[in-house]
Amino acid sequence: MTAVITPTTGAKYAKIMAVGSYRPERIVTNAEICEHIDSSDEWIRERSGIIERRYAAPDESVVDMGTAAAALALSRSGVAPSEIGMILTANVTHPYPTPAAAAEIAYRIGAINAGALDIAAACAGFCYGVGIANDLICGGTAKYVIVIGVEKLSDWVNPSDRGSAFIFADGAGAVVIGPSDHPAIGPTIWGSDGAQKDAITMTQSLIDYRNNGGEMFPALAMQGQQVFRWAVSEMPKVAMRALAAAGVELTDLAAFIPHQANMRITDALAKALKLPANLPIARDIAYTGNTSAASIPLAMDRMLTAGEIPSGGAALLIGFGAGLAYAAQVVLLP
């Protein structure tokens, strides 16, 4: 006899209900970065647009920062912790392969019955999480999902590496996603190019580090020009596919919130997409640095809090980075 499985049914649509963020207290200036590399404040600003960035305290962890951002988003959403069905934590800097950072964050915020999963898609991780959360809710697996982007990149940067030491920073952002009576998250356009995996990678694996007698701790290594060329040539195509999939025109947008990789990349994307001159564009990198998976929700929260973008407006999100992984979608702002 063949078993008949009862199908699950979920909400017709999903939406971002609330956003929260956490920025570490310590401000690190370009002058401090230049104590370890042969560079200058002027050169760093010209190459990246970064004026300063935030570093977490030595005893402040990915879990600590992710918990702070998730708790704030949860309180703003009005959803009870017990109603959360899944915690998705996008990060590549939690120093423990297991258990996932998401499991500890779920416990800390009181979502003790929630599923918990880390997403290792680097700078595209938050947009991956939004896409997965949308499908979980519409598929009936969860009613509410928290998506967190959090990184402590300062633990994995070689301060003497002139090509990357000035770029990366720490922080966390989170959103609560729940059911909606109208479409509020467009289809996610995602993919990767593993042939270019060496464009952003680690100097060695932890196994190699152990076998080498604990010498040369693994650090981030980036081929900046290769990443720049890929981002400015390929990501406009991905962005346009996300707009088309959502049925949204450029003139319908209330905001463009790309991953805060580099100000020059953001400007190049805006130019390639021919965005309206008055469209608010996230440039959070100037004072936050590149926080990988955390950068989009950090920028979104800053723009909403400052009143730069309207609640309910359509925003184009796009994340891209190591992998070379990418993901984009159009969302309605909480």
Foldseek 3Di string as FASTA:
>chain_A
DDDDDDFAAFFQWKAFQFKFKWFAPDKAAVVNLCVQEVDDQVRCCVWFVAGIAGAHDPPQAQLNQQLRGQLVQCVSRVDQLCQAAEEEEEEDAHPDPDDDSQQVSSVVNVNNNHHYYYDDLWLQRQQVVVQVQGCCRRRRVGFKYKYKYWYNQVVAADSNPPVPNSFEHTIMMMTMMGHDPDYFKFHKDKDFDQVVLVQKDWPDDVVVCVVVVNPDPIHIDHPVVVVLVCLLVPVLVNLVVQCVRRVHDLVQAQEEQEQSRGVVSQVSSCVVNVHDPLRHYFNVCHRHGGHINRRRSVSLVVCVVVVVGDQQGKYWYKTADRSRIIMIHIGGHD
